């Protein structure tokens, strides 16, 4: 279960939730104008991207952390969500940044979603999050959300042929290449999860 955190740690979590929410809002405002597809259609399109959905989970999770009496957030989920945030930042800056060149409020949203929020979440986990409860048996949770997202994104793409990321484009790359890429990403997350659990089991002591 989730222990009671000191007030400063909970307030910092609430600040991260607010920053993440503002980044999502800024992205939506920018895309409504940039795409010209209307507010609802833009929201539906945004919901196809790992970055958007992970940031939304961050908003809900870190807002929940702020409330002392809520026990539904545990150390394994916080660690897994933190890793997902860091992974989206690494993948974006390594592979995707050249594909997207937003301006104005879109630039601020991009920085918030792919740099500021992941960095803030990582620092919060390192210095504020409960980590002693992490066990080696928690390792599968580090790939739970990415696996769910992968199945969701590819399943939706079979209906409308919209692949949110180039490395998921089955018609262009072939199913085996996409499967191999996603498999390597999941293996990388598991290896990173080992590091997270090691930090929780040893460094926190």
N, C-alpha and C. Protein backbone atom coordinates (compact mmCIF):
# COMPACT_ATOMS: atom_id res chain seq x y z
N UNK A 1 0.83 -1.20 0.00
CA UNK A 1 0.00 0.00 0.00
C UNK A 1 0.87 1.25 0.00
N UNK A 2 0.24 2.34 -0.33
CA UNK A 2 0.98 3.59 -0.46
C UNK A 2 1.07 4.30 0.89
N UNK A 3 2.27 4.54 1.41
CA UNK A 3 2.40 5.18 2.71
C UNK A 3 2.11 6.67 2.62
N UNK A 4 1.87 7.25 3.78
CA UNK A 4 1.68 8.69 3.84
C UNK A 4 3.01 9.39 3.59
N UNK A 5 3.01 10.30 2.64
CA UNK A 5 4.23 11.03 2.31
C UNK A 5 4.25 12.37 3.04
N UNK A 6 5.43 12.92 3.26
CA UNK A 6 5.49 14.27 3.84
C UNK A 6 4.80 15.28 2.94
N UNK A 7 4.28 16.32 3.55
CA UNK A 7 3.55 17.33 2.79
C UNK A 7 4.36 17.91 1.64
N UNK A 8 5.66 18.25 1.80
CA UNK A 8 6.41 18.80 0.66
C UNK A 8 6.45 17.85 -0.54
N UNK A 9 6.61 16.55 -0.27
CA UNK A 9 6.64 15.58 -1.37
C UNK A 9 5.29 15.52 -2.07
N UNK A 10 4.21 15.58 -1.30
CA UNK A 10 2.89 15.54 -1.91
C UNK A 10 2.60 16.81 -2.70
N UNK A 11 3.06 17.93 -2.21
CA UNK A 11 2.85 19.18 -2.93
C UNK A 11 3.65 19.20 -4.23
N UNK A 12 4.85 18.64 -4.19
CA UNK A 12 5.64 18.55 -5.43
C UNK A 12 4.96 17.63 -6.44
N UNK A 13 4.35 16.56 -5.94
CA UNK A 13 3.60 15.67 -6.84
C UNK A 13 2.43 16.41 -7.47
N UNK A 14 1.73 17.23 -6.69
CA UNK A 14 0.61 18.00 -7.23
C UNK A 14 1.10 19.00 -8.27
N UNK A 15 2.26 19.60 -8.04
CA UNK A 15 2.83 20.53 -9.02
C UNK A 15 3.15 19.82 -10.34
N UNK A 16 3.69 18.61 -10.25
CA UNK A 16 3.97 17.85 -11.46
C UNK A 16 2.68 17.53 -12.20
N UNK A 17 1.64 17.16 -11.47
CA UNK A 17 0.35 16.88 -12.09
C UNK A 17 -0.17 18.11 -12.82
N UNK A 18 0.00 19.28 -12.21
CA UNK A 18 -0.47 20.52 -12.82
C UNK A 18 0.33 20.83 -14.09
N UNK A 19 1.65 20.68 -14.03
CA UNK A 19 2.49 20.94 -15.21
C UNK A 19 2.11 19.98 -16.34
N UNK A 20 1.91 18.71 -16.00
CA UNK A 20 1.54 17.72 -17.02
C UNK A 20 0.20 18.06 -17.64
N UNK A 21 -0.75 18.49 -16.81
CA UNK A 21 -2.07 18.88 -17.33
C UNK A 21 -1.96 20.08 -18.26
N UNK A 22 -1.19 21.07 -17.88
CA UNK A 22 -1.02 22.25 -18.72
C UNK A 22 -0.35 21.89 -20.04
N UNK A 23 0.60 20.97 -20.01
CA UNK A 23 1.26 20.53 -21.25
C UNK A 23 0.26 19.85 -22.17
N UNK A 24 -0.60 19.00 -21.61
CA UNK A 24 -1.64 18.35 -22.41
C UNK A 24 -2.61 19.37 -22.99
N UNK A 25 -3.01 20.33 -22.18
CA UNK A 25 -3.94 21.36 -22.64
C UNK A 25 -3.32 22.19 -23.75
N UNK A 26 -2.05 22.57 -23.58
CA UNK A 26 -1.37 23.35 -24.60
C UNK A 26 -1.25 22.57 -25.91
N UNK A 27 -0.97 21.27 -25.79
CA UNK A 27 -0.89 20.44 -26.99
C UNK A 27 -2.23 20.37 -27.71
N UNK A 28 -3.29 20.22 -26.96
CA UNK A 28 -4.64 20.16 -27.54
C UNK A 28 -4.99 21.47 -28.24
N UNK A 29 -4.73 22.59 -27.57
CA UNK A 29 -5.02 23.90 -28.16
C UNK A 29 -4.24 24.09 -29.45
N UNK A 30 -2.96 23.71 -29.43
CA UNK A 30 -2.14 23.86 -30.63
C UNK A 30 -2.64 22.98 -31.77
N UNK A 31 -2.97 21.74 -31.47
CA UNK A 31 -3.39 20.81 -32.52
C UNK A 31 -4.76 21.14 -33.09
N UNK A 32 -5.65 21.68 -32.27
CA UNK A 32 -6.95 22.11 -32.78
C UNK A 32 -6.76 23.12 -33.90
N UNK A 33 -5.83 24.05 -33.69
CA UNK A 33 -5.56 25.06 -34.72
C UNK A 33 -4.72 24.48 -35.85
N UNK A 34 -3.72 23.66 -35.52
CA UNK A 34 -2.79 23.13 -36.52
C UNK A 34 -3.47 22.12 -37.43
N UNK A 35 -4.24 21.21 -36.87
CA UNK A 35 -4.92 20.19 -37.66
C UNK A 35 -6.20 20.70 -38.31
N UNK A 36 -6.89 21.58 -37.60
CA UNK A 36 -8.15 22.09 -38.10
C UNK A 36 -9.25 21.04 -38.14
N UNK A 37 -9.14 20.04 -37.25
CA UNK A 37 -10.11 18.94 -37.28
C UNK A 37 -11.19 19.06 -36.21
N UNK A 38 -11.15 20.13 -35.42
CA UNK A 38 -12.16 20.29 -34.39
C UNK A 38 -11.68 19.76 -33.06
N UNK A 39 -12.24 20.25 -31.96
CA UNK A 39 -11.75 19.89 -30.63
C UNK A 39 -11.92 18.41 -30.27
N UNK A 40 -13.06 17.82 -30.62
CA UNK A 40 -13.30 16.42 -30.25
C UNK A 40 -12.43 15.49 -31.10
N UNK A 41 -12.40 15.72 -32.41
CA UNK A 41 -11.59 14.89 -33.29
C UNK A 41 -10.11 14.99 -32.92
N UNK A 42 -9.67 16.17 -32.51
CA UNK A 42 -8.28 16.34 -32.09
C UNK A 42 -8.00 15.55 -30.83
N UNK A 43 -8.93 15.57 -29.89
CA UNK A 43 -8.76 14.81 -28.65
C UNK A 43 -8.68 13.32 -28.94
N UNK A 44 -9.52 12.84 -29.84
CA UNK A 44 -9.50 11.42 -30.21
C UNK A 44 -8.17 11.05 -30.85
N UNK A 45 -7.67 11.93 -31.72
CA UNK A 45 -6.37 11.67 -32.36
C UNK A 45 -5.25 11.66 -31.33
N UNK A 46 -5.27 12.59 -30.39
CA UNK A 46 -4.24 12.63 -29.36
C UNK A 46 -4.20 11.34 -28.55
N UNK A 47 -5.37 10.75 -28.35
CA UNK A 47 -5.46 9.54 -27.53
C UNK A 47 -4.86 8.32 -28.20
N UNK A 48 -4.28 8.48 -29.36
CA UNK A 48 -3.61 7.37 -30.04
C UNK A 48 -2.11 7.32 -29.73
N UNK A 49 -1.60 8.32 -29.00
CA UNK A 49 -0.17 8.45 -28.80
C UNK A 49 0.23 8.07 -27.37
N UNK A 50 1.34 7.34 -27.27
CA UNK A 50 1.85 6.90 -25.97
C UNK A 50 2.17 8.08 -25.07
N UNK A 51 2.76 9.11 -25.64
CA UNK A 51 3.13 10.28 -24.84
C UNK A 51 1.90 10.90 -24.19
N UNK A 52 0.84 11.08 -24.95
CA UNK A 52 -0.36 11.72 -24.43
C UNK A 52 -1.00 10.88 -23.34
N UNK A 53 -1.16 9.59 -23.60
CA UNK A 53 -1.82 8.73 -22.63
C UNK A 53 -0.97 8.56 -21.37
N UNK A 54 0.34 8.45 -21.53
CA UNK A 54 1.21 8.33 -20.36
C UNK A 54 1.19 9.60 -19.52
N UNK A 55 1.17 10.74 -20.18
CA UNK A 55 1.09 12.01 -19.45
C UNK A 55 -0.25 12.12 -18.73
N UNK A 56 -1.32 11.66 -19.35
CA UNK A 56 -2.63 11.66 -18.68
C UNK A 56 -2.60 10.76 -17.44
N UNK A 57 -1.96 9.60 -17.55
CA UNK A 57 -1.81 8.74 -16.37
C UNK A 57 -0.99 9.42 -15.29
N UNK A 58 0.00 10.20 -15.70
CA UNK A 58 0.81 10.94 -14.74
C UNK A 58 -0.03 11.98 -14.01
N UNK A 59 -0.89 12.67 -14.73
CA UNK A 59 -1.77 13.66 -14.10
C UNK A 59 -2.62 12.99 -13.02
N UNK A 60 -3.27 11.90 -13.37
CA UNK A 60 -4.15 11.22 -12.42
C UNK A 60 -3.37 10.66 -11.25
N UNK A 61 -2.24 10.00 -11.53
CA UNK A 61 -1.46 9.37 -10.48
C UNK A 61 -0.89 10.39 -9.51
N UNK A 62 -0.29 11.45 -10.02
CA UNK A 62 0.37 12.41 -9.15
C UNK A 62 -0.63 13.31 -8.44
N UNK A 63 -1.79 13.53 -9.02
CA UNK A 63 -2.84 14.23 -8.28
C UNK A 63 -3.34 13.36 -7.13
N UNK A 64 -3.44 12.05 -7.38
CA UNK A 64 -3.86 11.13 -6.33
C UNK A 64 -2.85 11.08 -5.19
N UNK A 65 -1.57 11.09 -5.54
CA UNK A 65 -0.52 11.07 -4.52
C UNK A 65 -0.66 12.23 -3.54
N UNK A 66 -1.18 13.34 -4.01
CA UNK A 66 -1.28 14.52 -3.16
C UNK A 66 -2.25 14.33 -1.99
N UNK A 67 -3.19 13.40 -2.11
CA UNK A 67 -4.20 13.25 -1.07
C UNK A 67 -3.74 12.21 -0.06
N UNK A 68 -3.61 12.64 1.16
CA UNK A 68 -3.02 11.83 2.22
C UNK A 68 -3.74 10.50 2.44
N UNK A 69 -5.07 10.50 2.36
CA UNK A 69 -5.85 9.32 2.76
C UNK A 69 -6.05 8.32 1.63
N UNK A 70 -5.62 8.65 0.43
CA UNK A 70 -5.82 7.74 -0.70
C UNK A 70 -4.68 6.72 -0.74
N UNK A 71 -5.02 5.43 -0.73
CA UNK A 71 -4.01 4.38 -0.64
C UNK A 71 -3.87 3.57 -1.93
N UNK A 72 -4.51 4.00 -3.01
CA UNK A 72 -4.57 3.18 -4.20
C UNK A 72 -3.34 3.23 -5.09
N UNK A 73 -2.37 4.07 -4.77
CA UNK A 73 -1.16 4.17 -5.59
C UNK A 73 -0.01 3.51 -4.84
N UNK A 74 0.63 2.55 -5.47
CA UNK A 74 1.71 1.83 -4.80
C UNK A 74 3.06 2.11 -5.41
N UNK A 75 4.10 1.67 -4.71
CA UNK A 75 5.47 1.89 -5.16
C UNK A 75 5.74 1.25 -6.52
N UNK A 76 5.26 0.02 -6.82
CA UNK A 76 5.54 -0.55 -8.14
C UNK A 76 4.97 0.27 -9.28
N UNK A 77 3.73 0.75 -9.13
CA UNK A 77 3.13 1.54 -10.21
C UNK A 77 3.88 2.86 -10.38
N UNK A 78 4.25 3.51 -9.30
CA UNK A 78 5.00 4.77 -9.42
C UNK A 78 6.32 4.55 -10.14
N UNK A 79 7.00 3.47 -9.83
CA UNK A 79 8.27 3.17 -10.50
C UNK A 79 8.04 2.88 -11.98
N UNK A 80 7.00 2.10 -12.29
CA UNK A 80 6.73 1.75 -13.68
C UNK A 80 6.31 2.97 -14.49
N UNK A 81 5.49 3.83 -13.90
CA UNK A 81 5.08 5.05 -14.60
C UNK A 81 6.27 5.97 -14.83
N UNK A 82 7.14 6.06 -13.84
CA UNK A 82 8.35 6.87 -14.00
C UNK A 82 9.20 6.36 -15.15
N UNK A 83 9.37 5.06 -15.24
CA UNK A 83 10.15 4.49 -16.33
C UNK A 83 9.49 4.77 -17.68
N UNK A 84 8.17 4.68 -17.75
CA UNK A 84 7.47 4.99 -19.00
C UNK A 84 7.68 6.44 -19.41
N UNK A 85 7.66 7.34 -18.45
CA UNK A 85 7.91 8.76 -18.74
C UNK A 85 9.33 8.95 -19.27
N UNK A 86 10.29 8.34 -18.62
CA UNK A 86 11.68 8.48 -19.07
C UNK A 86 11.88 7.82 -20.43
N UNK A 87 11.21 6.70 -20.66
CA UNK A 87 11.35 6.01 -21.95
C UNK A 87 10.78 6.84 -23.09
N UNK A 88 9.63 7.47 -22.86
CA UNK A 88 9.05 8.28 -23.94
C UNK A 88 9.95 9.46 -24.27
N UNK A 89 10.61 10.01 -23.26
CA UNK A 89 11.53 11.11 -23.51
C UNK A 89 12.73 10.65 -24.33
N UNK A 90 13.29 9.50 -23.97
CA UNK A 90 14.46 8.98 -24.68
C UNK A 90 14.11 8.64 -26.13
N UNK A 91 13.00 7.93 -26.33
CA UNK A 91 12.61 7.55 -27.69
C UNK A 91 12.31 8.78 -28.53
N UNK A 92 11.63 9.75 -27.95
CA UNK A 92 11.30 10.96 -28.72
C UNK A 92 12.55 11.71 -29.14
N UNK A 93 13.43 11.98 -28.20
CA UNK A 93 14.62 12.78 -28.52
C UNK A 93 15.62 12.01 -29.38
N UNK A 94 15.60 10.68 -29.30
CA UNK A 94 16.53 9.89 -30.10
C UNK A 94 16.02 9.60 -31.51
N UNK A 95 14.69 9.42 -31.66
CA UNK A 95 14.16 8.93 -32.93
C UNK A 95 13.14 9.82 -33.61
N UNK A 96 12.44 10.65 -32.84
CA UNK A 96 11.25 11.29 -33.40
C UNK A 96 11.30 12.81 -33.47
N UNK A 97 12.26 13.42 -32.84
CA UNK A 97 12.24 14.89 -32.74
C UNK A 97 12.33 15.57 -34.10
N UNK A 98 13.00 14.94 -35.07
CA UNK A 98 13.13 15.56 -36.39
C UNK A 98 11.85 15.47 -37.22
N UNK A 99 10.90 14.69 -36.76
CA UNK A 99 9.65 14.52 -37.51
C UNK A 99 8.60 15.55 -37.14
N UNK A 100 8.90 16.40 -36.17
CA UNK A 100 7.89 17.28 -35.61
C UNK A 100 8.54 18.61 -35.26
N UNK A 101 8.00 19.70 -35.77
CA UNK A 101 8.60 21.01 -35.55
C UNK A 101 7.53 22.03 -35.17
N UNK A 102 6.95 21.90 -33.98
CA UNK A 102 5.87 22.81 -33.57
C UNK A 102 6.41 24.21 -33.28
N UNK A 103 5.51 25.17 -33.30
CA UNK A 103 5.87 26.56 -33.01
C UNK A 103 4.91 27.13 -31.98
N UNK A 104 5.32 28.24 -31.37
CA UNK A 104 4.45 28.92 -30.43
C UNK A 104 4.09 28.04 -29.24
N UNK A 105 2.79 27.98 -28.92
CA UNK A 105 2.34 27.18 -27.79
C UNK A 105 2.63 25.70 -28.00
N UNK A 106 2.68 25.28 -29.27
CA UNK A 106 3.01 23.90 -29.57
C UNK A 106 4.43 23.55 -29.16
N UNK A 107 5.35 24.50 -29.28
CA UNK A 107 6.73 24.28 -28.86
C UNK A 107 6.80 24.08 -27.35
N UNK A 108 6.06 24.93 -26.62
CA UNK A 108 6.03 24.80 -25.17
C UNK A 108 5.42 23.48 -24.74
N UNK A 109 4.34 23.07 -25.43
CA UNK A 109 3.71 21.78 -25.14
C UNK A 109 4.69 20.65 -25.39
N UNK A 110 5.43 20.72 -26.49
CA UNK A 110 6.39 19.69 -26.84
C UNK A 110 7.48 19.56 -25.77
N UNK A 111 8.00 20.69 -25.33
CA UNK A 111 9.02 20.67 -24.28
C UNK A 111 8.44 20.10 -22.99
N UNK A 112 7.23 20.52 -22.67
CA UNK A 112 6.61 20.03 -21.45
C UNK A 112 6.39 18.53 -21.47
N UNK A 113 5.83 18.03 -22.56
CA UNK A 113 5.48 16.61 -22.64
C UNK A 113 6.70 15.70 -22.73
N UNK A 114 7.72 16.14 -23.44
CA UNK A 114 8.84 15.24 -23.74
C UNK A 114 10.11 15.52 -22.93
N UNK A 115 10.14 16.62 -22.20
CA UNK A 115 11.36 16.95 -21.46
C UNK A 115 11.05 17.30 -20.00
N UNK A 116 10.23 18.31 -19.78
CA UNK A 116 10.00 18.82 -18.43
C UNK A 116 9.30 17.79 -17.55
N UNK A 117 8.17 17.26 -18.03
CA UNK A 117 7.42 16.30 -17.21
C UNK A 117 8.22 15.03 -16.95
N UNK A 118 8.84 14.39 -17.97
CA UNK A 118 9.65 13.20 -17.66
C UNK A 118 10.77 13.48 -16.67
N UNK A 119 11.46 14.62 -16.82
CA UNK A 119 12.54 14.95 -15.90
C UNK A 119 12.02 15.17 -14.49
N UNK A 120 10.89 15.89 -14.38
CA UNK A 120 10.31 16.15 -13.06
C UNK A 120 9.85 14.86 -12.39
N UNK A 121 9.23 13.98 -13.16
CA UNK A 121 8.78 12.70 -12.62
C UNK A 121 9.97 11.86 -12.17
N UNK A 122 11.03 11.83 -12.97
CA UNK A 122 12.21 11.07 -12.61
C UNK A 122 12.86 11.57 -11.32
N UNK A 123 12.97 12.88 -11.19
CA UNK A 123 13.56 13.46 -9.98
C UNK A 123 12.67 13.21 -8.76
N UNK A 124 11.34 13.34 -8.96
CA UNK A 124 10.43 13.11 -7.85
C UNK A 124 10.55 11.66 -7.38
N UNK A 125 10.59 10.73 -8.33
CA UNK A 125 10.71 9.33 -7.93
C UNK A 125 12.02 9.09 -7.18
N UNK A 126 13.08 9.69 -7.64
CA UNK A 126 14.39 9.46 -7.03
C UNK A 126 14.45 9.98 -5.60
N UNK A 127 13.86 11.16 -5.38
CA UNK A 127 14.02 11.81 -4.07
C UNK A 127 12.81 11.72 -3.16
N UNK A 128 11.62 11.51 -3.70
CA UNK A 128 10.40 11.56 -2.88
C UNK A 128 9.61 10.27 -2.83
N UNK A 129 9.66 9.47 -3.87
CA UNK A 129 8.76 8.31 -3.96
C UNK A 129 9.16 7.22 -2.97
N UNK A 130 8.17 6.48 -2.46
CA UNK A 130 8.48 5.29 -1.65
C UNK A 130 9.04 4.20 -2.55
N UNK A 131 10.18 3.63 -2.15
CA UNK A 131 10.84 2.64 -3.01
C UNK A 131 11.15 1.34 -2.29
N UNK A 132 11.09 1.33 -0.98
CA UNK A 132 11.49 0.14 -0.24
C UNK A 132 10.56 -1.04 -0.49
N UNK A 133 9.33 -0.76 -0.89
CA UNK A 133 8.37 -1.85 -1.11
C UNK A 133 8.60 -2.58 -2.42
N UNK A 134 9.48 -2.09 -3.27
CA UNK A 134 9.73 -2.75 -4.55
C UNK A 134 10.38 -4.12 -4.34
N UNK A 135 9.87 -5.11 -5.07
CA UNK A 135 10.40 -6.47 -5.01
C UNK A 135 10.70 -6.93 -6.44
N UNK A 136 11.53 -7.97 -6.53
CA UNK A 136 11.86 -8.51 -7.85
C UNK A 136 10.62 -9.04 -8.56
N UNK A 137 9.63 -9.47 -7.78
CA UNK A 137 8.38 -9.96 -8.37
C UNK A 137 7.60 -8.84 -9.06
N UNK A 138 7.96 -7.59 -8.80
CA UNK A 138 7.28 -6.46 -9.42
C UNK A 138 7.77 -6.18 -10.84
N UNK A 139 8.79 -6.90 -11.29
CA UNK A 139 9.41 -6.58 -12.58
C UNK A 139 8.42 -6.55 -13.75
N UNK A 140 7.44 -7.46 -13.84
CA UNK A 140 6.51 -7.41 -14.98
C UNK A 140 5.71 -6.11 -15.09
N UNK A 141 5.52 -5.40 -13.98
CA UNK A 141 4.71 -4.19 -14.06
C UNK A 141 5.38 -3.11 -14.91
N UNK A 142 6.69 -3.20 -15.08
CA UNK A 142 7.40 -2.20 -15.87
C UNK A 142 7.06 -2.27 -17.36
N UNK A 143 6.56 -3.40 -17.81
CA UNK A 143 6.17 -3.50 -19.22
C UNK A 143 4.65 -3.63 -19.38
N UNK A 144 3.92 -3.56 -18.27
CA UNK A 144 2.46 -3.73 -18.35
C UNK A 144 1.81 -2.64 -19.19
N UNK A 145 2.03 -1.37 -18.82
CA UNK A 145 1.40 -0.28 -19.55
C UNK A 145 1.92 -0.20 -21.00
N UNK A 146 3.24 -0.25 -21.25
CA UNK A 146 3.68 -0.23 -22.66
C UNK A 146 3.10 -1.37 -23.49
N UNK A 147 2.93 -2.54 -22.89
CA UNK A 147 2.36 -3.67 -23.63
C UNK A 147 0.89 -3.42 -23.95
N UNK A 148 0.15 -2.90 -22.97
CA UNK A 148 -1.25 -2.57 -23.20
C UNK A 148 -1.37 -1.52 -24.29
N UNK A 149 -0.50 -0.50 -24.23
CA UNK A 149 -0.55 0.54 -25.26
C UNK A 149 -0.23 -0.04 -26.64
N UNK A 150 0.80 -0.88 -26.74
CA UNK A 150 1.17 -1.46 -28.02
C UNK A 150 0.02 -2.24 -28.64
N UNK A 151 -0.65 -3.05 -27.82
CA UNK A 151 -1.79 -3.82 -28.32
C UNK A 151 -2.91 -2.89 -28.75
N UNK A 152 -3.16 -1.85 -27.96
CA UNK A 152 -4.21 -0.88 -28.28
C UNK A 152 -3.91 -0.14 -29.58
N UNK A 153 -2.69 0.37 -29.72
CA UNK A 153 -2.33 1.17 -30.90
C UNK A 153 -2.38 0.32 -32.17
N UNK A 154 -1.84 -0.88 -32.11
CA UNK A 154 -1.84 -1.74 -33.29
C UNK A 154 -3.25 -2.24 -33.61
N UNK A 155 -4.02 -2.50 -32.57
CA UNK A 155 -5.40 -2.92 -32.79
C UNK A 155 -6.22 -1.84 -33.45
N UNK A 156 -6.08 -0.60 -32.99
CA UNK A 156 -6.79 0.52 -33.60
C UNK A 156 -6.34 0.74 -35.04
N UNK A 157 -5.05 0.52 -35.30
CA UNK A 157 -4.51 0.74 -36.64
C UNK A 157 -5.08 -0.23 -37.66
N UNK A 158 -5.50 -1.41 -37.21
CA UNK A 158 -6.11 -2.35 -38.14
C UNK A 158 -7.45 -1.84 -38.67
N UNK A 159 -8.03 -0.87 -37.97
CA UNK A 159 -9.33 -0.33 -38.38
C UNK A 159 -9.18 0.85 -39.33
N UNK A 160 -8.17 1.69 -39.11
CA UNK A 160 -8.06 2.90 -39.93
C UNK A 160 -6.67 3.13 -40.52
N UNK A 161 -5.75 2.18 -40.33
CA UNK A 161 -4.39 2.26 -40.90
C UNK A 161 -3.60 3.47 -40.40
N UNK A 162 -3.95 3.96 -39.22
CA UNK A 162 -3.19 5.07 -38.62
C UNK A 162 -2.22 4.50 -37.60
N UNK A 163 -0.93 4.61 -37.92
CA UNK A 163 0.12 4.13 -37.03
C UNK A 163 0.79 5.35 -36.40
N UNK A 164 0.69 5.51 -35.07
CA UNK A 164 1.14 6.75 -34.43
C UNK A 164 2.64 6.99 -34.49
N UNK A 165 3.43 5.92 -34.65
CA UNK A 165 4.89 6.08 -34.68
C UNK A 165 5.46 5.30 -35.86
N UNK A 166 6.51 5.81 -36.50
CA UNK A 166 7.08 5.14 -37.68
C UNK A 166 7.51 3.70 -37.40
N UNK A 167 8.05 3.42 -36.21
CA UNK A 167 8.52 2.08 -35.92
C UNK A 167 7.38 1.10 -35.65
N UNK A 168 6.13 1.59 -35.69
CA UNK A 168 4.97 0.72 -35.54
C UNK A 168 4.22 0.54 -36.86
N UNK A 169 4.75 1.08 -37.93
CA UNK A 169 4.07 1.07 -39.23
C UNK A 169 4.21 -0.32 -39.88
N UNK A 170 3.22 -1.16 -39.64
CA UNK A 170 3.27 -2.54 -40.14
C UNK A 170 3.31 -2.61 -41.66
N UNK A 171 2.47 -1.87 -42.41
CA UNK A 171 2.52 -1.96 -43.87
C UNK A 171 3.88 -1.56 -44.44
N UNK A 172 4.54 -0.57 -43.83
CA UNK A 172 5.82 -0.10 -44.35
C UNK A 172 6.98 -1.00 -43.96
N UNK A 173 6.96 -1.51 -42.72
CA UNK A 173 8.11 -2.26 -42.21
C UNK A 173 7.90 -3.76 -42.21
N UNK A 174 6.66 -4.18 -42.18
CA UNK A 174 6.37 -5.61 -42.08
C UNK A 174 6.12 -6.00 -40.63
N UNK A 175 5.28 -6.99 -40.40
CA UNK A 175 4.92 -7.36 -39.03
C UNK A 175 6.09 -7.85 -38.19
N UNK A 176 7.02 -8.60 -38.81
CA UNK A 176 8.12 -9.15 -38.03
C UNK A 176 9.09 -8.06 -37.58
N UNK A 177 9.32 -7.08 -38.44
CA UNK A 177 10.20 -5.97 -38.05
C UNK A 177 9.59 -5.16 -36.92
N UNK A 178 8.30 -4.90 -37.01
CA UNK A 178 7.61 -4.16 -35.94
C UNK A 178 7.64 -4.96 -34.65
N UNK A 179 7.37 -6.26 -34.75
CA UNK A 179 7.38 -7.11 -33.56
C UNK A 179 8.77 -7.14 -32.93
N UNK A 180 9.81 -7.20 -33.76
CA UNK A 180 11.18 -7.23 -33.24
C UNK A 180 11.52 -5.91 -32.54
N UNK A 181 11.11 -4.80 -33.15
CA UNK A 181 11.40 -3.49 -32.54
C UNK A 181 10.69 -3.34 -31.20
N UNK A 182 9.41 -3.67 -31.18
CA UNK A 182 8.65 -3.56 -29.94
C UNK A 182 9.18 -4.53 -28.89
N UNK A 183 9.60 -5.71 -29.34
CA UNK A 183 10.18 -6.66 -28.40
C UNK A 183 11.46 -6.14 -27.77
N UNK A 184 12.30 -5.52 -28.57
CA UNK A 184 13.54 -4.95 -28.03
C UNK A 184 13.25 -3.81 -27.05
N UNK A 185 12.23 -3.02 -27.35
CA UNK A 185 11.85 -1.96 -26.43
C UNK A 185 11.39 -2.53 -25.09
N UNK A 186 10.61 -3.59 -25.14
CA UNK A 186 10.13 -4.21 -23.90
C UNK A 186 11.29 -4.82 -23.11
N UNK A 187 12.23 -5.44 -23.81
CA UNK A 187 13.40 -5.99 -23.13
C UNK A 187 14.20 -4.86 -22.47
N UNK A 188 14.35 -3.74 -23.18
CA UNK A 188 15.04 -2.60 -22.60
C UNK A 188 14.34 -2.09 -21.35
N UNK A 189 13.01 -2.07 -21.38
CA UNK A 189 12.26 -1.63 -20.20
C UNK A 189 12.44 -2.60 -19.04
N UNK A 190 12.47 -3.89 -19.32
CA UNK A 190 12.69 -4.87 -18.25
C UNK A 190 14.07 -4.68 -17.62
N UNK A 191 15.08 -4.46 -18.46
CA UNK A 191 16.42 -4.24 -17.92
C UNK A 191 16.47 -2.97 -17.08
N UNK A 192 15.81 -1.93 -17.55
CA UNK A 192 15.74 -0.71 -16.76
C UNK A 192 14.96 -0.93 -15.48
N UNK A 193 13.92 -1.78 -15.55
CA UNK A 193 13.17 -2.11 -14.35
C UNK A 193 14.03 -2.77 -13.29
N UNK A 194 14.98 -3.59 -13.73
CA UNK A 194 15.91 -4.21 -12.78
C UNK A 194 16.69 -3.14 -12.03
N UNK A 195 17.11 -2.11 -12.76
CA UNK A 195 17.84 -1.01 -12.12
C UNK A 195 16.95 -0.28 -11.13
N UNK A 196 15.70 -0.03 -11.51
CA UNK A 196 14.76 0.65 -10.61
C UNK A 196 14.57 -0.15 -9.32
N UNK A 197 14.37 -1.45 -9.45
CA UNK A 197 14.15 -2.27 -8.26
C UNK A 197 15.40 -2.32 -7.40
N UNK A 198 16.56 -2.38 -8.05
CA UNK A 198 17.82 -2.38 -7.30
C UNK A 198 17.97 -1.09 -6.50
N UNK A 199 17.62 0.04 -7.14
CA UNK A 199 17.66 1.33 -6.42
C UNK A 199 16.73 1.29 -5.23
N UNK A 200 15.51 0.76 -5.45
CA UNK A 200 14.55 0.72 -4.37
C UNK A 200 14.97 -0.19 -3.22
N UNK A 201 15.58 -1.30 -3.55
CA UNK A 201 15.94 -2.29 -2.52
C UNK A 201 17.20 -1.93 -1.75
N UNK A 202 18.08 -1.17 -2.39
CA UNK A 202 19.37 -0.92 -1.76
C UNK A 202 19.65 0.55 -1.49
N UNK A 203 19.49 1.40 -2.49
CA UNK A 203 19.86 2.80 -2.29
C UNK A 203 18.98 3.46 -1.25
N UNK A 204 17.70 3.09 -1.19
CA UNK A 204 16.80 3.73 -0.23
C UNK A 204 17.11 3.32 1.20
N UNK A 205 17.88 2.27 1.38
CA UNK A 205 18.26 1.85 2.71
C UNK A 205 19.53 2.54 3.20
